Structures are given as structure tokens and as C-alpha cells.
Amino acid sequence: MHPHTHLQLHRIRSAELRRQAADFRLAALCRAPRADLRTQLGWTMVELGLRLIPDRSAMPSRAPRPA
């Protein structure tokens, strides 16, 4: 393959990759608020679950049973 042809193909592929990277960055900016909402909802569910679990210090401790 002629060097100029190879260089031209490299430039075309580079431009495609840059365009895809720009599209990806734009899509990532659009997803940011959803990720924040998802994180907040997840931590709220964890907090609720921890409130539903009874306090271990109030429960009498039991010795483990032998197998």
C-alpha cells in the first residue's frame, strides 16, 4: 500500500474515532442527572433497609450451635 494512502486512511479513522468520542461525551452529559437520581434512590433504599433491621444490641446473644 502506498504511504500516502495509508496516511489518508489513518486520518479518516482518526476523524471517525474523534466523532464517536464527542458523541459519547455528549451522551454522558445527558445521563448525569439520571445517575444522580439513581444514586440518591439507592442510598435512600439502603437507609430504609437499615431502619427495618432490628437493632442487634437489643437482642440477646446466642452461642453458635455446633454442627
Protein backbone atom coordinates (compact mmCIF):
# COMPACT_ATOMS: atom_id res chain seq x y z
CA MET A 1 0.00 0.00 0.00
CA HIS A 2 1.28 3.43 -0.87
CA PRO A 3 2.31 5.52 2.21
CA HIS A 4 0.01 8.41 1.26
CA THR A 5 -2.97 6.06 1.01
CA HIS A 6 -2.17 4.56 4.38
CA LEU A 7 -1.86 8.03 5.91
CA GLN A 8 -5.19 9.10 4.40
CA LEU A 9 -6.93 6.00 5.80
CA HIS A 10 -5.39 6.72 9.20
CA ARG A 11 -6.72 10.30 9.10
CA ILE A 12 -10.21 9.12 8.17
CA ARG A 13 -10.25 6.57 11.01
CA SER A 14 -8.93 9.17 13.44
CA ALA A 15 -11.74 11.57 12.47
CA GLU A 16 -14.32 8.79 12.98
CA LEU A 17 -12.95 7.98 16.42
CA ARG A 18 -12.95 11.65 17.43
CA ARG A 19 -16.57 11.99 16.30
CA GLN A 20 -17.56 8.90 18.29
CA ALA A 21 -15.75 10.24 21.36
CA ALA A 22 -17.58 13.56 21.05
CA ASP A 23 -20.92 11.74 20.73
CA PHE A 24 -20.08 9.65 23.78
CA ARG A 25 -19.19 12.75 25.83
CA LEU A 26 -22.45 14.40 24.78
CA ALA A 27 -24.43 11.31 25.77
CA ALA A 28 -22.62 11.14 29.12
CA LEU A 29 -23.63 14.73 29.88
CA CYS A 30 -27.25 13.86 29.19
CA ARG A 31 -27.11 10.85 31.54
CA ALA A 32 -25.60 12.68 34.51
CA PRO A 33 -28.84 13.79 36.23
CA ARG A 34 -30.28 10.29 35.96
CA ALA A 35 -27.20 8.80 37.60
CA ASP A 36 -27.50 11.27 40.47
CA LEU A 37 -31.16 10.36 40.95
CA ARG A 38 -30.34 6.65 40.82
CA THR A 39 -27.60 7.07 43.44
CA GLN A 40 -29.87 9.07 45.72
CA LEU A 41 -32.65 6.49 45.41
CA GLY A 42 -30.20 3.66 46.12
CA TRP A 43 -28.90 5.26 49.31
CA THR A 44 -32.45 6.01 50.43
CA MET A 45 -33.32 2.33 49.99
CA VAL A 46 -30.22 1.31 51.98
CA GLU A 47 -31.16 3.70 54.77
CA LEU A 48 -34.72 2.36 54.84
CA GLY A 49 -33.46 -1.22 54.92
CA LEU A 50 -31.15 -0.44 57.82
CA ARG A 51 -34.05 1.07 59.74
CA LEU A 52 -36.12 -2.07 59.18
CA ILE A 53 -33.41 -4.37 60.55
CA PRO A 54 -33.79 -4.77 64.32
CA ASP A 55 -31.00 -3.41 66.50
CA ARG A 56 -28.58 -6.25 67.29
CA SER A 57 -27.51 -4.74 70.62
CA ALA A 58 -31.05 -5.13 71.99
CA MET A 59 -31.17 -8.83 71.06
CA PRO A 60 -29.76 -11.42 73.49
CA SER A 61 -26.63 -13.02 72.15
CA ARG A 62 -26.78 -16.72 71.45
CA ALA A 63 -23.84 -19.07 71.36
CA PRO A 64 -23.34 -20.72 67.96
CA ARG A 65 -24.64 -24.26 67.80
CA PRO A 66 -22.15 -27.00 67.00
CA ALA A 67 -22.70 -28.76 63.71
